[in-house]
Amino acid sequence: MLRLGSVLDAWRPKPGPGGDPLAAARSVWAELVGADVARAAQPVAIERDALVVLTTSASWSHQLAFLEPEIVRGLAALPQTAAITRLRFRVGKPRRASPRATAAEQRRASKPVSVEPPAKTLEDALARLRRSVERSRAAHRALGGRFCAVCEAPTAAGTARCVPCRDELERRRRFDCERLLFEAPWLAPNEVLVLVDGLTPEQFDAIRRRLLRSWWDEMWRASKLYRLRQPIERCRLRKLASSFVLLETHIDPNRLEMDSAVRKNALGELYDFVCEIETLPG
């Protein structure tokens, strides 16, 4: 039988698949930044893509800001905290760890742990953090791990980019494809694939179909607002209708006539609305 108090004191959250990002960050914080820094700075919240860190003074916030890239890279190694891309600092009074909990953690350790004395200065604590980061990176490298080609965060073997950098690359690729389809919808698919590096035919087809649905919905909503005499962006809608027809039909823009059957079939019930806004001045 164990006392309930000792069990609760010994419990610490462990990162697992699908776990809480803040709990995951807290569970590895001391290991990531070192005991000295953990005594003066603790993660307290997550706001969008930022981890909010409570520090004991503005000096700690200022100094830790210089190590922000290294800390973020360490957090990127966990799937729960991979979406964290920056730190935000607030000055306050971090919660102190329970001495009983510390003793329980030491009893559970399989090997004796040498505990460094508390750092006497801020510079000493930050130097320990830098050494800890370098040891962690060296251990990752020794196990065959790699580092992201963009931000140098630890990645699994055989992976050139970390998850945040890979997602950012996909976002830029999708944006470039959407911009081309809007501004030059007459381009053939193979021409777009050449212009957007790394874009696959499957990705192009998915982006094209999503854009056509989005453009149709936007024009349909605008037609309802127009009937209600509400303001609409006529210039954008004219361009949108033109891009929609060209992307939908793949017709040569030089052969597309305003009252052609191809245009009527592409726009369907929106044809009259588009013709009306195209004849309006301005």
Protein backbone atom coordinates (compact mmCIF):
# COMPACT_ATOMS: atom_id res chain seq x y z
CA MET A 1 0.00 0.00 0.00
CA LEU A 2 1.21 3.50 -0.86
CA ARG A 3 0.13 6.79 0.57
CA LEU A 4 -1.95 8.78 -1.91
CA GLY A 5 0.13 11.90 -1.27
CA SER A 6 3.38 10.18 -2.23
CA VAL A 7 1.83 8.82 -5.44
CA LEU A 8 0.53 12.23 -6.48
CA ASP A 9 3.83 13.91 -5.64
CA ALA A 10 5.72 11.41 -7.77
CA TRP A 11 3.48 11.78 -10.83
CA ARG A 12 4.76 13.81 -13.77
CA PRO A 13 3.09 14.16 -17.21
CA LYS A 14 4.83 12.19 -19.93
CA PRO A 15 4.55 13.11 -23.60
CA GLY A 16 2.56 10.65 -25.63
CA PRO A 17 0.84 10.57 -29.02
CA GLY A 18 -2.08 12.98 -29.08
CA GLY A 19 -1.22 14.43 -25.65
CA ASP A 20 -1.63 18.00 -24.43
CA PRO A 21 1.09 20.24 -25.95
CA LEU A 22 1.54 22.29 -22.78
CA ALA A 23 1.87 19.18 -20.62
CA ALA A 24 4.39 17.77 -23.08
CA ALA A 25 6.43 21.00 -23.01
CA ARG A 26 6.39 21.07 -19.21
CA SER A 27 7.44 17.44 -18.95
CA VAL A 28 10.65 17.98 -20.95
CA TRP A 29 11.33 21.60 -19.99
CA ALA A 30 13.88 20.93 -17.23
CA GLU A 31 15.70 18.40 -19.40
CA LEU A 32 15.65 20.78 -22.35
CA VAL A 33 16.85 23.97 -20.67
CA GLY A 34 18.57 22.65 -17.55
CA ALA A 35 17.67 22.79 -13.87
CA ASP A 36 19.01 26.33 -13.34
CA VAL A 37 16.93 27.84 -16.13
CA ALA A 38 13.89 25.78 -15.13
CA ARG A 39 14.00 27.34 -11.67
CA ALA A 40 13.78 30.83 -13.21
CA ALA A 41 11.58 30.19 -16.24
CA GLN A 42 8.60 27.89 -16.73
CA PRO A 43 6.12 27.34 -19.60
CA VAL A 44 2.63 28.37 -18.52
CA ALA A 45 0.48 28.52 -21.66
CA ILE A 46 0.31 28.08 -25.42
CA GLU A 47 -1.12 30.87 -27.57
CA ARG A 48 -1.48 29.91 -31.23
CA ASP A 49 2.05 28.90 -32.28
CA ALA A 50 3.79 30.49 -29.26
CA LEU A 51 4.82 28.92 -25.96
CA VAL A 52 4.37 31.44 -23.14
CA VAL A 53 7.24 31.28 -20.64
CA LEU A 54 7.01 32.91 -17.21
CA THR A 55 10.38 34.25 -16.00
CA THR A 56 11.48 35.69 -12.68
CA SER A 57 12.87 38.90 -14.20
CA ALA A 58 13.18 40.90 -17.39
CA SER A 59 16.86 39.95 -17.53
CA TRP A 60 15.96 36.28 -17.82
CA SER A 61 13.45 37.06 -20.56
CA HIS A 62 16.04 39.09 -22.45
CA GLN A 63 18.75 36.44 -22.20
CA LEU A 64 16.46 33.53 -23.04
CA ALA A 65 15.30 35.36 -26.15
CA PHE A 66 18.77 34.80 -27.60
CA LEU A 67 18.39 31.04 -27.07
CA GLU A 68 14.85 30.91 -28.45
CA PRO A 69 15.86 29.11 -31.71
CA GLU A 70 17.60 26.32 -29.80
CA ILE A 71 14.68 25.87 -27.40
CA VAL A 72 12.16 25.79 -30.25
CA ARG A 73 14.26 23.20 -32.06
CA GLY A 74 14.25 21.04 -28.96
CA LEU A 75 10.46 21.30 -28.69
CA ALA A 76 10.12 20.40 -32.37
CA ALA A 77 11.44 16.93 -31.57
CA LEU A 78 8.14 16.13 -29.81
CA PRO A 79 5.06 15.55 -31.99
CA GLN A 80 2.84 17.36 -29.47
CA THR A 81 4.96 20.54 -29.54
CA ALA A 82 6.08 20.48 -33.17
CA ALA A 83 3.65 23.31 -34.00
CA ILE A 84 5.38 25.71 -31.57
CA THR A 85 7.51 28.10 -33.62
CA ARG A 86 8.30 30.86 -31.12
CA LEU A 87 8.43 31.82 -27.45
CA ARG A 88 6.73 34.66 -25.60
CA PHE A 89 8.06 35.82 -22.24
CA ARG A 90 6.20 37.24 -19.27
CA VAL A 91 7.68 38.33 -15.97
CA GLY A 92 6.13 36.82 -12.87
CA LYS A 93 6.70 34.29 -10.11
CA PRO A 94 7.17 30.77 -11.49
CA ARG A 95 5.72 27.95 -9.45
CA ARG A 96 8.34 26.14 -7.42
CA ALA A 97 8.69 22.38 -7.66
CA SER A 98 7.78 20.38 -4.56
CA PRO A 99 10.80 19.01 -2.63
CA ARG A 100 8.91 15.77 -2.03
CA ALA A 101 8.32 15.37 -5.73
CA THR A 102 12.03 15.87 -6.38
CA ALA A 103 12.88 13.17 -3.84
CA ALA A 104 10.39 10.78 -5.43
CA GLU A 105 11.92 11.36 -8.85
CA GLN A 106 15.35 10.58 -7.47
CA ARG A 107 14.08 7.31 -5.93
CA ARG A 108 12.65 6.24 -9.29
CA ALA A 109 15.90 6.88 -11.13
CA SER A 110 17.66 3.69 -12.17
CA LYS A 111 21.09 5.31 -11.96
CA PRO A 112 22.48 7.84 -9.52
CA VAL A 113 22.32 11.35 -10.94
CA SER A 114 25.03 13.89 -10.25
CA VAL A 115 23.36 17.17 -9.35
CA GLU A 116 25.22 20.36 -10.18
CA PRO A 117 25.14 23.11 -7.59
CA PRO A 118 22.84 26.03 -8.49
CA ALA A 119 24.39 28.53 -10.85
CA LYS A 120 25.64 31.66 -9.18
CA THR A 121 25.11 33.98 -12.14
CA LEU A 122 22.81 34.27 -15.11
CA GLU A 123 25.75 33.82 -17.50
CA ASP A 124 26.70 30.56 -15.79
CA ALA A 125 23.15 29.22 -16.10
CA LEU A 126 22.96 30.13 -19.79
CA ALA A 127 26.35 28.54 -20.43
CA ARG A 128 25.06 25.31 -18.85
CA LEU A 129 22.01 25.48 -21.11
CA ARG A 130 24.19 25.85 -24.19
CA ARG A 131 26.31 22.87 -23.14
CA SER A 132 23.15 20.84 -22.53
CA VAL A 133 21.84 21.72 -25.99
CA GLU A 134 25.13 20.70 -27.60
CA ARG A 135 25.15 17.39 -25.71
CA SER A 136 21.60 16.71 -26.81
CA ARG A 137 22.43 17.45 -30.45
CA ALA A 138 25.55 15.31 -30.29
CA ALA A 139 23.58 12.39 -28.84
CA HIS A 140 20.94 12.79 -31.57
CA ARG A 141 23.67 12.78 -34.22
CA ALA A 142 25.33 9.72 -32.71
CA LEU A 143 22.06 7.77 -32.96
CA GLY A 144 21.86 8.46 -36.69
CA GLY A 145 19.48 11.38 -36.41
CA ARG A 146 19.62 14.30 -38.78
CA PHE A 147 18.91 18.00 -38.56
CA CYS A 148 16.47 20.05 -40.57
CA ALA A 149 18.06 21.60 -43.65
CA VAL A 150 16.18 24.85 -43.00
CA CYS A 151 16.08 25.48 -39.22
CA GLU A 152 18.47 22.74 -37.98
CA ALA A 153 15.89 21.21 -35.64
CA PRO A 154 16.43 17.49 -34.87
CA THR A 155 14.65 15.19 -37.31
CA ALA A 156 14.34 11.45 -37.74
CA ALA A 157 16.85 9.56 -39.85
CA GLY A 158 16.10 9.95 -43.54
CA THR A 159 14.05 13.13 -43.05
CA ALA A 160 15.48 16.29 -44.59
CA ARG A 161 13.03 18.75 -42.97
CA CYS A 162 11.23 19.00 -39.65
CA VAL A 163 7.43 19.03 -39.53
CA PRO A 164 6.99 22.85 -39.24
CA CYS A 165 9.41 23.53 -42.12
CA ARG A 166 7.78 20.82 -44.23
CA ASP A 167 4.35 22.32 -43.58
CA GLU A 168 5.64 25.79 -44.47
CA LEU A 169 7.07 24.46 -47.74
CA GLU A 170 3.72 22.89 -48.60
CA ARG A 171 1.93 26.12 -47.75
CA ARG A 172 4.17 28.17 -50.04
CA ARG A 173 3.85 25.63 -52.83
CA ARG A 174 0.05 25.71 -52.54
CA PHE A 175 0.07 29.52 -52.50
CA ASP A 176 2.26 29.73 -55.64
CA CYS A 177 -0.02 27.29 -57.46
CA GLU A 178 -3.19 29.18 -56.46
CA ARG A 179 -1.66 32.49 -57.54
CA LEU A 180 -0.77 31.10 -60.97
CA LEU A 181 -4.23 29.59 -61.46
CA PHE A 182 -5.83 32.92 -60.61
CA GLU A 183 -3.53 35.19 -62.59
CA ALA A 184 -2.75 32.87 -65.53
CA PRO A 185 -5.56 30.29 -65.69
CA TRP A 186 -4.80 29.54 -69.36
CA LEU A 187 -1.57 27.74 -68.44
CA ALA A 188 -1.56 24.01 -69.06
CA PRO A 189 -1.07 21.71 -66.04
CA ASN A 190 2.41 20.69 -67.15
CA GLU A 191 3.41 24.38 -67.39
CA VAL A 192 2.26 24.99 -63.81
CA LEU A 193 4.18 21.92 -62.63
CA VAL A 194 7.35 23.34 -64.15
CA LEU A 195 6.84 26.77 -62.56
CA VAL A 196 6.01 25.48 -59.05
CA ASP A 197 8.94 23.45 -57.79
CA GLY A 198 7.98 20.12 -56.22
CA LEU A 199 4.29 20.28 -57.15
CA THR A 200 2.84 16.90 -58.14
CA PRO A 201 0.00 16.30 -60.64
CA GLU A 202 -2.19 15.03 -57.79
CA GLN A 203 -1.59 18.18 -55.75
CA PHE A 204 -2.29 20.38 -58.78
CA ASP A 205 -5.59 18.61 -59.46
CA ALA A 206 -6.66 18.92 -55.81
CA ILE A 207 -5.80 22.64 -55.70
CA ARG A 208 -7.58 23.27 -59.01
CA ARG A 209 -10.79 21.55 -57.87
CA ARG A 210 -10.73 23.36 -54.51
CA LEU A 211 -10.24 26.74 -56.19
CA LEU A 212 -13.11 26.18 -58.62
CA ARG A 213 -15.46 25.35 -55.73
CA SER A 214 -14.27 28.35 -53.74
CA TRP A 215 -14.62 30.75 -56.66
CA TRP A 216 -18.09 29.47 -57.49
CA ASP A 217 -19.22 29.92 -53.89
CA GLU A 218 -17.80 33.44 -53.78
CA MET A 219 -19.58 34.46 -57.01
CA TRP A 220 -22.82 32.86 -55.83
CA ARG A 221 -22.73 34.80 -52.53
CA ALA A 222 -21.92 38.00 -54.41
CA SER A 223 -24.92 37.49 -56.68
CA LYS A 224 -27.21 37.28 -53.65
CA LEU A 225 -25.69 40.43 -52.14
CA TYR A 226 -26.06 42.21 -55.47
CA ARG A 227 -29.77 41.40 -55.63
CA LEU A 228 -30.11 42.85 -52.15
CA ARG A 229 -28.32 46.01 -53.33
CA GLN A 230 -25.36 45.35 -51.06
CA PRO A 231 -21.85 46.50 -52.07
CA ILE A 232 -19.69 43.96 -53.92
CA GLU A 233 -16.14 43.98 -55.30
CA ARG A 234 -16.96 44.19 -58.99
CA CYS A 235 -13.35 44.33 -60.21
CA ARG A 236 -12.41 41.17 -58.34
CA LEU A 237 -15.58 39.37 -59.40
CA ARG A 238 -14.91 40.16 -63.07
CA LYS A 239 -11.41 38.72 -62.79
CA LEU A 240 -12.74 35.78 -60.79
CA ALA A 241 -15.36 34.96 -63.42
CA SER A 242 -12.79 35.14 -66.21
CA SER A 243 -10.31 32.91 -64.35
CA PHE A 244 -13.10 30.48 -63.44
CA VAL A 245 -14.20 30.04 -67.07
CA LEU A 246 -10.65 29.62 -68.39
CA LEU A 247 -9.66 27.17 -65.65
CA GLU A 248 -12.89 25.19 -66.02
CA THR A 249 -12.91 24.95 -69.84
CA HIS A 250 -9.16 25.15 -70.72
CA ILE A 251 -10.15 27.26 -73.71
CA ASP A 252 -7.72 29.66 -75.38
CA PRO A 253 -8.50 33.15 -73.98
CA ASN A 254 -8.18 34.59 -77.49
CA ARG A 255 -11.07 32.39 -78.63
CA LEU A 256 -13.33 33.11 -75.66
CA GLU A 257 -16.21 35.41 -76.58
CA MET A 258 -18.38 37.21 -74.06
CA ASP A 259 -21.60 35.53 -75.23
CA SER A 260 -20.16 32.18 -76.29
CA ALA A 261 -21.90 28.92 -75.44
CA VAL A 262 -18.78 27.71 -73.68
CA ARG A 263 -18.92 30.66 -71.30
CA LYS A 264 -22.65 30.19 -70.68
CA ASN A 265 -22.20 26.50 -69.88
CA ALA A 266 -19.30 27.20 -67.49
CA LEU A 267 -21.08 29.93 -65.53
CA GLY A 268 -24.53 28.34 -65.61
CA GLU A 269 -26.99 30.21 -63.39
CA LEU A 270 -24.38 32.88 -62.68
CA TYR A 271 -24.04 33.88 -66.33
CA ASP A 272 -26.59 36.71 -66.23
CA PHE A 273 -25.14 38.11 -63.00
CA VAL A 274 -21.59 38.13 -64.42
CA CYS A 275 -22.75 39.78 -67.66
CA GLU A 276 -24.54 42.46 -65.66
CA ILE A 277 -21.58 43.41 -63.47
CA GLU A 278 -19.30 43.42 -66.50
CA THR A 279 -21.42 46.06 -68.19
CA LEU A 280 -21.49 48.33 -65.15
CA PRO A 281 -18.99 51.21 -65.13
CA GLY A 282 -16.12 51.23 -62.65
